[in-house]
C-alpha cells in the first residue's frame, strides 16, 4: 500500500489565507503540550509568549521595533521567492548592511550634519547588495544553486564582523570589550515617539512593504517577477530575461536585508557588537511564507513573529523558559505552515488493491 500526492485543480483561496492562522494556533497548542511534558507550565508558557506582549501596552514598542527588520527583510525575500530565486543568506546580507553603515559612521565620526545618516543607509543597502552579488553571479553564469552560496556567505559575514570588532574597529576606550565606538547623535535613528524606543526604522518598514506591494501589483517589474517564477518558458517567449530577473531579485533582497542591518545598528544597537547577528535573516524566511509572500500580509506576519520573539523574552524572565524555546516555536510554526500548504494544494491518495481517497 502506497500514498500518492495528487495536485488539486484549484486550491481553495480561503484555505490559503486561513492556514497561517491555523499554523499559529497549532503551534500554540503543540507548544503547550511539549513544554508541559518537559516540566514547564505549558499553558502559562503559551500565554506569556503569545498573549502577554499583546495585552501589555509596555511591550507594544518592543513589538514595533522587533517587527521592523523582519518586515523589511521578508519583503525582499518574498520578491525573490516569487521569481523562484531562493535567497537563504539574508542574515549575511543583513550583517554586511550593518557593517557598511558602521564603516561610514566611523569614517564620519568627526563630522556632523543631517547628511551622515542617509549616507549610512545608502552604504548599508550597497553592502547588502554586494553580499548578494556573488550568488547572483554564480547562479546566472555557472548555474550554481543560490541556496548554498547565499547560506555559506552568511558564515563568512559573521567571521568578518568578529574580525573587525576585535581588530581594527575595536573601541580603544571600550575596556577591552570587542565593540566599536558608540555612534554620535547624527549617526543614530531619531525616535518618532518621545519616551519610547520606537525609531524611524518602524515607519520605514511599513513604507517598504507598501512600496513593494505597489511595484509587485502595478508595475512591469512585478509582473516580470511573477511570470519568471511561475512560467520561465513563457517569460522567455514574452521577452523577459530570466537571468536579468535573477539579478534583480537577488540584488533587491540583498539591498533590503542590508537596509534592515543598517537601521538596526543605527537604532537599537547604536554601535557594532559581536551579538549583532540576531537571526533576523533566517526568521524573516518564516515571516515571508507566513505572509503568503504578499507585502501587506508580511506586515501582519512580522508583527505576529515579533509577538513570539518578545513573548519568548518575557517567558524567560517569568517562568525561566529556555532561550531556545522561541526557536522551537518558530520551527513548529514553519512546519505546520508548510504541512498545511501541502494539504491545501494536494490531495493524499492511498494506492493499493482498493484505491481509497484519504483527504476530501
Protein backbone atom coordinates (compact mmCIF):
# COMPACT_ATOMS: atom_id res chain seq x y z
CA UNK A 1 0.00 0.00 0.00
CA UNK A 2 1.36 3.39 -1.02
CA UNK A 3 0.40 7.02 -0.63
CA UNK A 4 0.44 9.42 -3.51
CA UNK A 5 0.10 13.20 -3.72
CA UNK A 6 -2.30 14.41 -6.36
CA UNK A 7 -2.35 18.09 -7.24
CA UNK A 8 -5.69 19.81 -6.81
CA UNK A 9 -7.09 21.51 -9.90
CA UNK A 10 -7.69 24.73 -7.97
CA UNK A 11 -6.59 25.17 -4.35
CA UNK A 12 -9.06 26.90 -2.07
CA UNK A 13 -8.15 30.58 -1.78
CA UNK A 14 -9.91 30.80 1.56
CA UNK A 15 -7.79 27.96 2.94
CA UNK A 16 -4.60 29.55 1.62
CA UNK A 17 -5.26 32.60 3.79
CA UNK A 18 -6.65 30.69 6.77
CA UNK A 19 -3.80 28.19 7.09
CA UNK A 20 -1.32 30.75 8.53
CA UNK A 21 -3.78 31.37 11.37
CA UNK A 22 -4.21 27.64 11.81
CA UNK A 23 -0.42 27.19 11.87
CA UNK A 24 -0.11 29.72 14.70
CA UNK A 25 -2.92 28.06 16.70
CA UNK A 26 -1.43 24.59 16.21
CA UNK A 27 1.97 25.92 17.27
CA UNK A 28 0.47 27.27 20.49
CA UNK A 29 -1.37 24.01 21.20
CA UNK A 30 1.54 21.66 20.49
CA UNK A 31 3.95 24.02 22.25
CA UNK A 32 1.85 23.89 25.41
CA UNK A 33 1.87 20.09 25.32
CA UNK A 34 5.62 19.83 24.68
CA UNK A 35 6.63 22.23 27.46
CA UNK A 36 4.23 20.56 29.88
CA UNK A 37 5.86 17.20 29.16
CA UNK A 38 9.36 18.52 29.85
CA UNK A 39 8.41 20.01 33.21
CA UNK A 40 7.29 23.58 32.48
CA UNK A 41 3.86 25.16 32.82
CA UNK A 42 2.94 24.75 29.15
CA UNK A 43 -0.28 26.77 29.29
CA UNK A 44 1.44 29.67 31.00
CA UNK A 45 4.34 29.47 28.56
CA UNK A 46 1.97 29.87 25.63
CA UNK A 47 0.15 32.69 27.40
CA UNK A 48 3.40 34.54 28.13
CA UNK A 49 4.66 34.11 24.56
CA UNK A 50 1.51 34.77 22.53
CA UNK A 51 -0.77 36.81 24.79
CA UNK A 52 1.26 38.93 27.22
CA UNK A 53 3.03 41.05 24.54
CA UNK A 54 -0.35 41.95 23.05
CA UNK A 55 -2.16 42.76 26.30
CA UNK A 56 0.73 44.62 27.94
CA UNK A 57 0.94 48.16 26.47
CA UNK A 58 4.54 48.48 27.70
CA UNK A 59 5.52 45.76 25.22
CA UNK A 60 3.96 47.38 22.15
CA UNK A 61 7.04 49.48 21.46
CA UNK A 62 9.14 46.29 21.56
CA UNK A 63 6.79 44.68 19.05
CA UNK A 64 7.19 47.61 16.68
CA UNK A 65 10.98 47.63 16.92
CA UNK A 66 11.34 43.84 16.59
CA UNK A 67 8.93 43.59 13.65
CA UNK A 68 10.58 46.34 11.56
CA UNK A 69 13.71 44.40 10.42
CA UNK A 70 11.66 41.22 9.96
CA UNK A 71 9.24 43.03 7.65
CA UNK A 72 11.96 44.71 5.59
CA UNK A 73 13.97 41.52 5.09
CA UNK A 74 10.90 39.36 4.45
CA UNK A 75 9.63 41.73 1.75
CA UNK A 76 12.93 41.38 -0.12
CA UNK A 77 12.90 37.61 0.27
CA UNK A 78 9.30 37.40 -0.94
CA UNK A 79 10.20 39.23 -4.14
CA UNK A 80 12.93 36.69 -4.83
CA UNK A 81 10.81 33.69 -3.86
CA UNK A 82 8.07 34.77 -6.26
CA UNK A 83 10.70 34.68 -9.00
CA UNK A 84 11.75 31.20 -7.84
CA UNK A 85 15.04 32.65 -6.56
CA UNK A 86 15.81 31.18 -3.14
CA UNK A 87 17.94 33.58 -1.16
CA UNK A 88 18.66 31.88 2.18
CA UNK A 89 21.56 34.16 3.11
CA UNK A 90 19.66 37.28 4.14
CA UNK A 91 21.31 37.05 7.56
CA UNK A 92 24.71 37.59 5.96
CA UNK A 93 23.39 40.47 3.85
CA UNK A 94 21.85 41.97 7.00
CA UNK A 95 25.26 41.77 8.72
CA UNK A 96 27.03 43.37 5.76
CA UNK A 97 24.50 46.17 5.73
CA UNK A 98 25.23 46.84 9.38
CA UNK A 99 28.99 46.68 8.78
CA UNK A 100 28.82 49.06 5.82
CA UNK A 101 26.76 51.54 7.83
CA UNK A 102 29.19 51.20 10.73
CA UNK A 103 32.13 51.86 8.40
CA UNK A 104 30.57 55.13 7.29
CA UNK A 105 29.81 56.04 10.92
CA UNK A 106 33.44 55.51 11.94
CA UNK A 107 34.73 57.50 8.96
CA UNK A 108 32.40 60.43 9.70
CA UNK A 109 32.82 60.41 13.47
CA UNK A 110 34.46 63.83 13.48
CA UNK A 111 31.79 65.34 11.23
CA UNK A 112 28.23 66.45 11.87
CA UNK A 113 25.20 67.14 9.75
CA UNK A 114 21.93 65.58 8.53
CA UNK A 115 23.71 64.00 5.55
CA UNK A 116 25.52 61.35 7.61
CA UNK A 117 22.57 59.08 8.40
CA UNK A 118 21.29 58.96 4.78
CA UNK A 119 24.84 58.14 3.67
CA UNK A 120 24.96 55.29 6.20
CA UNK A 121 21.64 53.95 4.90
CA UNK A 122 22.83 54.02 1.29
CA UNK A 123 26.05 52.29 2.31
CA UNK A 124 24.07 49.64 4.18
CA UNK A 125 21.94 48.88 1.13
CA UNK A 126 25.03 48.69 -1.07
CA UNK A 127 26.66 46.38 1.49
CA UNK A 128 23.69 44.02 1.40
CA UNK A 129 23.67 44.07 -2.40
CA UNK A 130 27.38 43.28 -2.52
CA UNK A 131 26.80 40.13 -0.44
CA UNK A 132 24.03 39.06 -2.85
CA UNK A 133 26.21 39.80 -5.88
CA UNK A 134 28.26 36.58 -5.75
CA UNK A 135 25.25 34.21 -5.50
CA UNK A 136 23.63 36.05 -8.41
CA UNK A 137 26.82 35.82 -10.48
CA UNK A 138 27.31 32.13 -9.78
CA UNK A 139 23.65 31.32 -10.45
CA UNK A 140 23.48 33.14 -13.79
CA UNK A 141 26.95 32.23 -15.11
CA UNK A 142 27.58 28.74 -13.72
CA UNK A 143 24.10 27.60 -12.60
CA UNK A 144 25.32 27.23 -9.02
CA UNK A 145 22.45 26.87 -6.58
CA UNK A 146 21.93 30.21 -4.79
CA UNK A 147 20.63 28.42 -1.69
CA UNK A 148 24.10 27.06 -0.96
CA UNK A 149 26.17 30.11 -1.90
CA UNK A 150 23.99 32.65 -0.08
CA UNK A 151 23.83 30.47 3.04
CA UNK A 152 27.59 29.85 3.17
CA UNK A 153 28.33 33.55 2.76
CA UNK A 154 26.40 34.17 5.97
CA UNK A 155 29.13 32.47 7.99
CA UNK A 156 31.80 34.44 6.15
CA UNK A 157 29.94 37.62 7.13
CA UNK A 158 29.91 36.56 10.79
CA UNK A 159 33.66 35.94 10.75
CA UNK A 160 34.25 39.30 9.05
CA UNK A 161 32.21 41.03 11.76
CA UNK A 162 34.18 39.32 14.52
CA UNK A 163 37.48 40.24 12.89
CA UNK A 164 36.54 43.91 12.60
CA UNK A 165 35.15 44.42 16.11
CA UNK A 166 38.00 42.51 17.72
CA UNK A 167 40.65 44.09 15.50
CA UNK A 168 40.73 47.36 13.54
CA UNK A 169 37.31 48.69 14.63
CA UNK A 170 37.69 47.90 18.32
CA UNK A 171 36.93 50.83 20.62
CA UNK A 172 40.23 51.81 22.29
CA UNK A 173 38.23 53.21 25.21
CA UNK A 174 35.97 50.16 25.49
CA UNK A 175 37.80 48.47 28.41
CA UNK A 176 38.84 45.60 26.16
CA UNK A 177 35.32 44.66 25.03
CA UNK A 178 35.02 43.68 21.34
CA UNK A 179 32.86 46.54 20.10
CA UNK A 180 33.13 49.74 18.10
CA UNK A 181 32.78 53.26 19.39
CA UNK A 182 29.28 54.49 20.17
CA UNK A 183 27.65 56.34 17.29
CA UNK A 184 27.15 60.08 17.54
CA UNK A 185 23.73 61.76 17.58
CA UNK A 186 23.88 62.44 13.83
CA UNK A 187 24.52 58.73 13.20
CA UNK A 188 21.56 57.40 15.18
CA UNK A 189 17.95 56.98 14.06
CA UNK A 190 15.64 59.53 15.68
CA UNK A 191 12.88 58.25 17.96
CA UNK A 192 9.49 59.06 16.46
CA UNK A 193 7.61 58.70 19.78
CA UNK A 194 9.25 60.56 22.67
CA UNK A 195 9.98 58.44 25.69
CA UNK A 196 9.90 55.17 23.78
CA UNK A 197 12.36 53.08 21.77
CA UNK A 198 10.27 53.34 18.59
CA UNK A 199 12.66 54.74 15.98
CA UNK A 200 12.41 55.88 12.38
CA UNK A 201 13.03 52.34 11.12
CA UNK A 202 9.47 51.34 12.04
CA UNK A 203 7.67 53.63 9.55
CA UNK A 204 10.39 52.89 7.01
CA UNK A 205 9.46 49.19 7.24
CA UNK A 206 5.81 49.99 6.53
CA UNK A 207 6.75 52.22 3.61
CA UNK A 208 8.99 49.47 2.17
CA UNK A 209 6.12 46.95 2.35
CA UNK A 210 3.64 49.35 0.72
CA UNK A 211 6.13 50.28 -2.00
CA UNK A 212 6.76 46.60 -2.69
CA UNK A 213 3.01 45.98 -2.94
CA UNK A 214 2.69 48.78 -5.49
CA UNK A 215 5.65 47.52 -7.52
CA UNK A 216 4.52 43.90 -7.49
CA UNK A 217 0.92 44.65 -8.36
CA UNK A 218 1.14 47.70 -10.61
CA UNK A 219 4.49 47.79 -12.42
CA UNK A 220 6.04 45.67 -15.16
CA UNK A 221 8.85 44.60 -12.81
CA UNK A 222 6.35 42.90 -10.52
CA UNK A 223 4.66 41.16 -13.41
CA UNK A 224 8.03 40.02 -14.72
CA UNK A 225 8.93 38.56 -11.33
CA UNK A 226 5.70 36.56 -11.20
CA UNK A 227 5.93 35.30 -14.79
CA UNK A 228 9.57 34.20 -14.47
CA UNK A 229 8.79 32.41 -11.22
CA UNK A 230 5.70 30.58 -12.42
CA UNK A 231 6.43 30.02 -16.12
CA UNK A 232 10.05 30.66 -17.18
CA UNK A 233 9.49 29.37 -20.72
CA UNK A 234 6.56 31.73 -21.19
CA UNK A 235 8.70 34.54 -19.76
CA UNK A 236 11.39 33.91 -22.40
CA UNK A 237 8.74 33.87 -25.12
CA UNK A 238 7.40 37.17 -23.80
CA UNK A 239 10.83 38.77 -23.93
CA UNK A 240 11.66 38.64 -20.23
CA UNK A 241 15.23 37.66 -19.42
CA UNK A 242 15.38 35.01 -16.71
CA UNK A 243 18.97 35.89 -15.81
CA UNK A 244 18.17 39.58 -15.55
CA UNK A 245 15.26 38.75 -13.27
CA UNK A 246 17.51 36.63 -11.07
CA UNK A 247 19.93 39.54 -10.76
CA UNK A 248 17.16 41.98 -9.88
CA UNK A 249 15.55 39.63 -7.37
CA UNK A 250 18.78 38.81 -5.52
CA UNK A 251 20.10 42.37 -5.50
CA UNK A 252 16.75 43.71 -4.32
CA UNK A 253 16.51 41.22 -1.48
CA UNK A 254 20.15 41.89 -0.59
CA UNK A 255 19.58 45.65 -0.56
CA UNK A 256 16.56 45.34 1.73
CA UNK A 257 18.40 42.99 4.08
CA UNK A 258 21.26 45.49 4.17
CA UNK A 259 18.76 48.28 4.86
CA UNK A 260 17.43 46.32 7.85
CA UNK A 261 21.01 45.84 9.06
CA UNK A 262 21.98 49.49 8.97
CA UNK A 263 18.69 50.51 10.61
CA UNK A 264 19.36 48.07 13.44
CA UNK A 265 22.94 49.17 14.03
CA UNK A 266 21.90 52.85 13.92
CA UNK A 267 18.84 52.16 16.05
CA UNK A 268 18.66 49.64 18.91
CA UNK A 269 22.39 48.81 18.93
CA UNK A 270 24.00 52.22 18.46
CA UNK A 271 27.33 50.53 17.69
CA UNK A 272 28.57 47.30 16.15
CA UNK A 273 28.98 44.38 18.55
CA UNK A 274 29.57 40.62 18.11
CA UNK A 275 25.96 39.92 19.13
CA UNK A 276 24.65 41.90 16.15
CA UNK A 277 23.65 38.71 14.22
CA UNK A 278 20.21 38.05 15.73
CA UNK A 279 18.87 35.51 13.18
CA UNK A 280 16.53 38.12 11.70
CA UNK A 281 17.56 36.94 8.25
CA UNK A 282 16.51 33.36 8.97
CA UNK A 283 13.38 34.28 10.91
CA UNK A 284 12.29 36.51 8.02
CA UNK A 285 12.01 33.39 5.84
CA UNK A 286 9.19 32.20 8.11
CA UNK A 287 7.66 35.69 8.04
CA UNK A 288 7.69 35.74 4.23
CA UNK A 289 5.81 32.45 3.99
CA UNK A 290 3.51 33.26 6.89
CA UNK A 291 2.55 36.43 5.00
CA UNK A 292 1.93 34.40 1.83
CA UNK A 293 4.75 36.24 0.03
CA UNK A 294 2.47 39.28 -0.09
CA UNK A 295 3.90 42.59 1.20
CA UNK A 296 0.74 43.52 3.12
CA UNK A 297 0.47 40.04 4.60
CA UNK A 298 4.13 40.28 5.61
CA UNK A 299 3.37 43.32 7.78
CA UNK A 300 0.93 41.26 9.87
CA UNK A 301 3.20 38.20 9.79
CA UNK A 302 6.12 40.33 11.00
CA UNK A 303 4.03 41.58 13.91
CA UNK A 304 2.95 38.01 14.72
CA UNK A 305 6.54 36.81 14.75
CA UNK A 306 7.58 39.80 16.86
CA UNK A 307 4.95 38.73 19.39
CA UNK A 308 6.65 35.32 19.64
CA UNK A 309 10.10 36.89 19.98
CA UNK A 310 9.09 39.43 22.64
CA UNK A 311 6.92 36.86 24.39
CA UNK A 312 9.85 34.46 24.48
CA UNK A 313 11.91 37.08 26.29
CA UNK A 314 9.05 37.59 28.77
CA UNK A 315 8.75 33.83 29.37
CA UNK A 316 12.48 33.57 30.06
CA UNK A 317 12.04 36.06 32.90
CA UNK A 318 8.73 34.94 34.35
CA UNK A 319 8.91 31.13 34.15
CA UNK A 320 12.60 30.63 33.27
CA UNK A 321 11.76 29.16 29.88
CA UNK A 322 14.95 28.36 27.89
CA UNK A 323 16.06 30.88 25.27
CA UNK A 324 15.80 28.13 22.66
CA UNK A 325 12.06 27.99 23.24
CA UNK A 326 11.46 30.79 20.75
CA UNK A 327 13.36 28.85 18.11
CA UNK A 328 11.24 25.79 18.83
CA UNK A 329 8.04 27.78 18.38
CA UNK A 330 9.33 29.31 15.14
CA UNK A 331 10.31 25.90 13.77
CA UNK A 332 6.93 24.41 14.62
CA UNK A 333 5.18 27.36 13.03
CA UNK A 334 7.07 26.86 9.77
CA UNK A 335 6.47 23.10 9.86
CA UNK A 336 2.71 23.46 10.37
CA UNK A 337 2.51 26.16 7.72
CA UNK A 338 4.30 24.06 5.10
CA UNK A 339 2.33 20.94 6.04
CA UNK A 340 -0.99 22.74 5.74
CA UNK A 341 0.12 24.25 2.44
CA UNK A 342 0.81 20.77 1.15
CA UNK A 343 -2.67 19.58 2.04
CA UNK A 344 -4.28 22.69 0.55
CA UNK A 345 -2.52 22.24 -2.78
CA UNK A 346 -2.51 18.42 -2.95
CA UNK A 347 -4.78 15.51 -2.14
CA UNK A 348 -3.33 12.49 -0.38
CA UNK A 349 -4.48 9.28 -2.03
CA UNK A 350 -3.86 5.77 -0.78
CA UNK A 351 -2.99 3.46 -3.63
CA UNK A 352 -3.35 -0.29 -3.18
CA UNK A 353 -5.65 -3.08 -4.19
CA UNK A 354 -8.54 -0.78 -3.36
CA UNK A 355 -7.87 2.86 -4.09
CA UNK A 356 -9.10 4.98 -1.22
CA UNK A 357 -9.07 8.77 -1.04
CA UNK A 358 -7.96 9.93 2.36
CA UNK A 359 -8.49 13.67 2.18
CA UNK A 360 -11.51 15.34 0.57
